[in-house]
């Protein structure tokens, strides 16, 4: 690898870190530094909307649907990156403990003081492009592989 390839690799890995930081901290505006304005996102494997993958729609969906999880903690592995000029295909493994508030009976309760934890894992399959503002994700397809535990019972 030459110096430019090393720098690109570092920037793409930082882009993946910025993505999970935005999700876990619920900093929705930070996602604008991760995705291109016309990015396509697909979260169908984890319950996302079918056939609606444009970034503005999915950003609103993430904001609304992740609000019920006061705690998420994405752990990601190194990205497998395949370069094609100013674009790259990336595959990044993730392991994601998720906390849902429950009451003393263990039922979902938005005001509950305890957390019910379950774990989701899989891969992020991304197409990244080099822009004037650095690397951005042009396409993200989440590939959920497993869920350990699950959402707690509803009241």
C-alpha atoms as a PDB file:
ATOM      1  CA  UNK A   1       0.000   0.000   0.000  1.00  0.00           C
ATOM      2  CA  UNK A   2       1.208   3.492  -0.737  1.00  0.00           C
ATOM      3  CA  UNK A   3       0.638   6.483   1.564  1.00  0.00           C
ATOM      4  CA  UNK A   4      -2.624   7.474  -0.183  1.00  0.00           C
ATOM      5  CA  UNK A   5      -4.072   3.966   0.197  1.00  0.00           C
ATOM      6  CA  UNK A   6      -3.082   3.869   3.874  1.00  0.00           C
ATOM      7  CA  UNK A   7      -4.746   7.255   4.415  1.00  0.00           C
ATOM      8  CA  UNK A   8      -7.905   6.143   2.555  1.00  0.00           C
ATOM      9  CA  UNK A   9      -8.047   2.959   4.626  1.00  0.00           C
ATOM     10  CA  UNK A  10      -7.755   4.948   7.858  1.00  0.00           C
ATOM     11  CA  UNK A  11     -10.424   7.443   6.744  1.00  0.00           C
ATOM     12  CA  UNK A  12     -12.878   4.671   5.840  1.00  0.00           C
ATOM     13  CA  UNK A  13     -12.366   2.923   9.173  1.00  0.00           C
ATOM     14  CA  UNK A  14     -12.936   6.259  10.946  1.00  0.00           C
ATOM     15  CA  UNK A  15     -16.108   6.689   8.883  1.00  0.00           C
ATOM     16  CA  UNK A  16     -17.396   3.364  10.263  1.00  0.00           C
ATOM     17  CA  UNK A  17     -16.542   4.498  13.805  1.00  0.00           C
ATOM     18  CA  UNK A  18     -18.333   7.812  13.207  1.00  0.00           C
ATOM     19  CA  UNK A  19     -21.419   5.900  12.015  1.00  0.00           C
ATOM     20  CA  UNK A  20     -21.700   3.781  15.175  1.00  0.00           C
ATOM     21  CA  UNK A  21     -20.917   6.806  17.369  1.00  0.00           C
ATOM     22  CA  UNK A  22     -23.777   8.719  15.730  1.00  0.00           C
ATOM     23  CA  UNK A  23     -26.191   5.814  16.271  1.00  0.00           C
ATOM     24  CA  UNK A  24     -25.136   5.039  19.853  1.00  0.00           C
ATOM     25  CA  UNK A  25     -25.089   8.692  20.956  1.00  0.00           C
ATOM     26  CA  UNK A  26     -28.299   9.413  19.000  1.00  0.00           C
ATOM     27  CA  UNK A  27     -26.494  12.309  17.305  1.00  0.00           C
ATOM     28  CA  UNK A  28     -28.608  12.277  14.154  1.00  0.00           C
ATOM     29  CA  UNK A  29     -26.917  15.324  12.613  1.00  0.00           C
ATOM     30  CA  UNK A  30     -23.569  13.523  12.766  1.00  0.00           C
ATOM     31  CA  UNK A  31     -24.980  11.057  10.231  1.00  0.00           C
ATOM     32  CA  UNK A  32     -24.819  13.889   7.672  1.00  0.00           C
ATOM     33  CA  UNK A  33     -21.022  13.557   7.917  1.00  0.00           C
ATOM     34  CA  UNK A  34     -21.262   9.806   7.283  1.00  0.00           C
ATOM     35  CA  UNK A  35     -23.640   9.468   4.330  1.00  0.00           C
ATOM     36  CA  UNK A  36     -23.946  11.169   0.983  1.00  0.00           C
ATOM     37  CA  UNK A  37     -27.178  13.161   0.623  1.00  0.00           C
ATOM     38  CA  UNK A  38     -28.534  10.618  -1.856  1.00  0.00           C
ATOM     39  CA  UNK A  39     -27.334   7.485  -0.069  1.00  0.00           C
ATOM     40  CA  UNK A  40     -29.357   4.258  -0.143  1.00  0.00           C
ATOM     41  CA  UNK A  41     -29.781   2.465   3.211  1.00  0.00           C
ATOM     42  CA  UNK A  42     -31.366  -0.927   3.759  1.00  0.00           C
ATOM     43  CA  UNK A  43     -32.163  -2.162   7.267  1.00  0.00           C
ATOM     44  CA  UNK A  44     -34.821  -4.698   6.212  1.00  0.00           C
ATOM     45  CA  UNK A  45     -32.963  -7.609   7.865  1.00  0.00           C
ATOM     46  CA  UNK A  46     -33.503  -5.949  11.250  1.00  0.00           C
ATOM     47  CA  UNK A  47     -37.058  -4.717  10.753  1.00  0.00           C
ATOM     48  CA  UNK A  48     -36.427  -1.588   8.695  1.00  0.00           C
ATOM     49  CA  UNK A  49     -38.909  -0.306   6.139  1.00  0.00           C
ATOM     50  CA  UNK A  50     -39.158  -2.299   2.936  1.00  0.00           C
ATOM     51  CA  UNK A  51     -38.396  -0.557  -0.331  1.00  0.00           C
ATOM     52  CA  UNK A  52     -37.689   2.864   1.203  1.00  0.00           C
ATOM     53  CA  UNK A  53     -33.965   3.280   1.349  1.00  0.00           C
ATOM     54  CA  UNK A  54     -33.308   6.930   0.644  1.00  0.00           C
ATOM     55  CA  UNK A  55     -31.154   8.603   3.288  1.00  0.00           C
ATOM     56  CA  UNK A  56     -33.605  11.324   4.448  1.00  0.00           C
ATOM     57  CA  UNK A  57     -36.395   8.744   4.956  1.00  0.00           C
ATOM     58  CA  UNK A  58     -34.163   6.258   6.767  1.00  0.00           C
ATOM     59  CA  UNK A  59     -32.585   8.962   8.934  1.00  0.00           C
ATOM     60  CA  UNK A  60     -36.079   9.858  10.213  1.00  0.00           C
ATOM     61  CA  UNK A  61     -36.888   6.158  10.668  1.00  0.00           C
ATOM     62  CA  UNK A  62     -33.700   5.606  12.706  1.00  0.00           C
ATOM     63  CA  UNK A  63     -34.424   8.641  14.871  1.00  0.00           C
ATOM     64  CA  UNK A  64     -37.992   7.507  15.580  1.00  0.00           C
ATOM     65  CA  UNK A  65     -37.366   3.790  16.049  1.00  0.00           C
ATOM     66  CA  UNK A  66     -34.134   3.924  18.030  1.00  0.00           C
ATOM     67  CA  UNK A  67     -35.617   6.391  20.552  1.00  0.00           C
ATOM     68  CA  UNK A  68     -37.007   3.455  22.570  1.00  0.00           C
ATOM     69  CA  UNK A  69     -33.479   2.144  23.181  1.00  0.00           C
ATOM     70  CA  UNK A  70     -31.714   4.375  25.717  1.00  0.00           C
ATOM     71  CA  UNK A  71     -28.628   2.182  25.368  1.00  0.00           C
ATOM     72  CA  UNK A  72     -27.005   0.728  22.289  1.00  0.00           C
ATOM     73  CA  UNK A  73     -23.339  -0.120  22.051  1.00  0.00           C
ATOM     74  CA  UNK A  74     -22.075  -1.074  18.622  1.00  0.00           C
ATOM     75  CA  UNK A  75     -18.802  -2.925  18.604  1.00  0.00           C
ATOM     76  CA  UNK A  76     -17.334  -3.195  15.137  1.00  0.00           C
ATOM     77  CA  UNK A  77     -14.423  -5.134  13.732  1.00  0.00           C
ATOM     78  CA  UNK A  78     -11.886  -4.102  11.152  1.00  0.00           C
ATOM     79  CA  UNK A  79     -13.415  -3.454   7.753  1.00  0.00           C
ATOM     80  CA  UNK A  80     -12.584  -5.604   4.758  1.00  0.00           C
ATOM     81  CA  UNK A  81     -12.087  -2.927   2.076  1.00  0.00           C
ATOM     82  CA  UNK A  82     -11.901  -3.492  -1.672  1.00  0.00           C
ATOM     83  CA  UNK A  83     -10.924  -0.349  -3.578  1.00  0.00           C
ATOM     84  CA  UNK A  84     -12.177   0.622  -7.033  1.00  0.00           C
ATOM     85  CA  UNK A  85     -10.588   4.007  -7.694  1.00  0.00           C
ATOM     86  CA  UNK A  86     -12.524   6.616  -5.703  1.00  0.00           C
ATOM     87  CA  UNK A  87     -15.024   4.066  -4.428  1.00  0.00           C
ATOM     88  CA  UNK A  88     -14.698   1.079  -2.130  1.00  0.00           C
ATOM     89  CA  UNK A  89     -16.775  -1.907  -1.092  1.00  0.00           C
ATOM     90  CA  UNK A  90     -16.574  -2.448   2.654  1.00  0.00           C
ATOM     91  CA  UNK A  91     -17.760  -5.247   4.910  1.00  0.00           C
ATOM     92  CA  UNK A  92     -17.681  -4.624   8.661  1.00  0.00           C
ATOM     93  CA  UNK A  93     -18.792  -7.073  11.331  1.00  0.00           C
ATOM     94  CA  UNK A  94     -20.829  -5.718  14.254  1.00  0.00           C
ATOM     95  CA  UNK A  95     -21.971  -6.944  17.669  1.00  0.00           C
ATOM     96  CA  UNK A  96     -24.611  -4.722  19.251  1.00  0.00           C
ATOM     97  CA  UNK A  97     -25.962  -5.042  22.797  1.00  0.00           C
ATOM     98  CA  UNK A  98     -29.242  -3.114  23.034  1.00  0.00           C
ATOM     99  CA  UNK A  99     -30.941  -1.935  26.228  1.00  0.00           C
ATOM    100  CA  UNK A 100     -34.702  -1.540  26.531  1.00  0.00           C
ATOM    101  CA  UNK A 101     -36.356  -0.025  29.634  1.00  0.00           C
ATOM    102  CA  UNK A 102     -38.523  -2.423  31.634  1.00  0.00           C
ATOM    103  CA  UNK A 103     -40.547  -2.212  34.815  1.00  0.00           C
ATOM    104  CA  UNK A 104     -40.032  -4.377  37.902  1.00  0.00           C
ATOM    105  CA  UNK A 105     -42.043  -7.203  36.270  1.00  0.00           C
ATOM    106  CA  UNK A 106     -39.689  -7.202  33.253  1.00  0.00           C
ATOM    107  CA  UNK A 107     -42.276  -5.768  30.858  1.00  0.00           C
ATOM    108  CA  UNK A 108     -41.421  -3.048  28.356  1.00  0.00           C
ATOM    109  CA  UNK A 109     -42.019   0.324  29.976  1.00  0.00           C
ATOM    110  CA  UNK A 110     -40.644   3.560  28.463  1.00  0.00           C
ATOM    111  CA  UNK A 111     -40.398   4.900  32.022  1.00  0.00           C
ATOM    112  CA  UNK A 112     -38.877   1.711  33.440  1.00  0.00           C
ATOM    113  CA  UNK A 113     -35.760   2.065  35.525  1.00  0.00           C
ATOM    114  CA  UNK A 114     -34.172  -1.275  34.638  1.00  0.00           C
ATOM    115  CA  UNK A 115     -32.693  -2.301  31.293  1.00  0.00           C
ATOM    116  CA  UNK A 116     -33.487  -5.522  29.474  1.00  0.00           C
ATOM    117  CA  UNK A 117     -30.481  -6.347  27.270  1.00  0.00           C
ATOM    118  CA  UNK A 118     -30.509  -8.324  24.041  1.00  0.00           C
ATOM    119  CA  UNK A 119     -27.812  -8.628  21.395  1.00  0.00           C
ATOM    120  CA  UNK A 120     -27.920  -8.238  17.630  1.00  0.00           C
ATOM    121  CA  UNK A 121     -25.022  -9.096  15.351  1.00  0.00           C
ATOM    122  CA  UNK A 122     -24.150  -9.203  11.692  1.00  0.00           C
ATOM    123  CA  UNK A 123     -22.386  -7.227   8.985  1.00  0.00           C
ATOM    124  CA  UNK A 124     -22.589  -3.802   7.428  1.00  0.00           C
ATOM    125  CA  UNK A 125     -22.106  -4.008   3.670  1.00  0.00           C
ATOM    126  CA  UNK A 126     -21.210  -0.549   2.418  1.00  0.00           C
ATOM    127  CA  UNK A 127     -20.229   1.193  -0.755  1.00  0.00           C
ATOM    128  CA  UNK A 128     -18.132   4.240   0.090  1.00  0.00           C
ATOM    129  CA  UNK A 129     -17.135   7.033  -2.252  1.00  0.00           C
ATOM    130  CA  UNK A 130     -14.453   9.682  -1.990  1.00  0.00           C
ATOM    131  CA  UNK A 131     -16.025  13.152  -2.034  1.00  0.00           C
ATOM    132  CA  UNK A 132     -14.674  16.682  -1.682  1.00  0.00           C
ATOM    133  CA  UNK A 133     -15.521  16.313   2.033  1.00  0.00           C
ATOM    134  CA  UNK A 134     -13.734  12.989   2.456  1.00  0.00           C
ATOM    135  CA  UNK A 135     -15.093   9.450   2.309  1.00  0.00           C
ATOM    136  CA  UNK A 136     -18.872   8.982   2.680  1.00  0.00           C
ATOM    137  CA  UNK A 137     -21.174   5.980   2.595  1.00  0.00           C
ATOM    138  CA  UNK A 138     -23.207   5.878  -0.623  1.00  0.00           C
ATOM    139  CA  UNK A 139     -24.943   2.564   0.161  1.00  0.00           C
ATOM    140  CA  UNK A 140     -25.412   0.632   3.406  1.00  0.00           C
ATOM    141  CA  UNK A 141     -27.050  -2.769   3.617  1.00  0.00           C
ATOM    142  CA  UNK A 142     -27.305  -4.251   7.087  1.00  0.00           C
ATOM    143  CA  UNK A 143     -27.091  -8.030   7.113  1.00  0.00           C
ATOM    144  CA  UNK A 144     -28.367  -9.228  10.475  1.00  0.00           C
ATOM    145  CA  UNK A 145     -26.968 -12.665  11.294  1.00  0.00           C
ATOM    146  CA  UNK A 146     -28.321 -13.335  14.782  1.00  0.00           C
ATOM    147  CA  UNK A 147     -30.262 -12.041  17.733  1.00  0.00           C
ATOM    148  CA  UNK A 148     -29.598 -13.335  21.214  1.00  0.00           C
ATOM    149  CA  UNK A 149     -32.576 -12.740  23.446  1.00  0.00           C
ATOM    150  CA  UNK A 150     -35.222 -10.397  22.187  1.00  0.00           C
ATOM    151  CA  UNK A 151     -37.497  -7.517  22.898  1.00  0.00           C
ATOM    152  CA  UNK A 152     -39.174  -7.843  26.310  1.00  0.00           C
ATOM    153  CA  UNK A 153     -42.887  -8.568  26.619  1.00  0.00           C
ATOM    154  CA  UNK A 154     -45.214  -5.592  26.264  1.00  0.00           C
ATOM    155  CA  UNK A 155     -47.496  -4.427  29.083  1.00  0.00           C
END
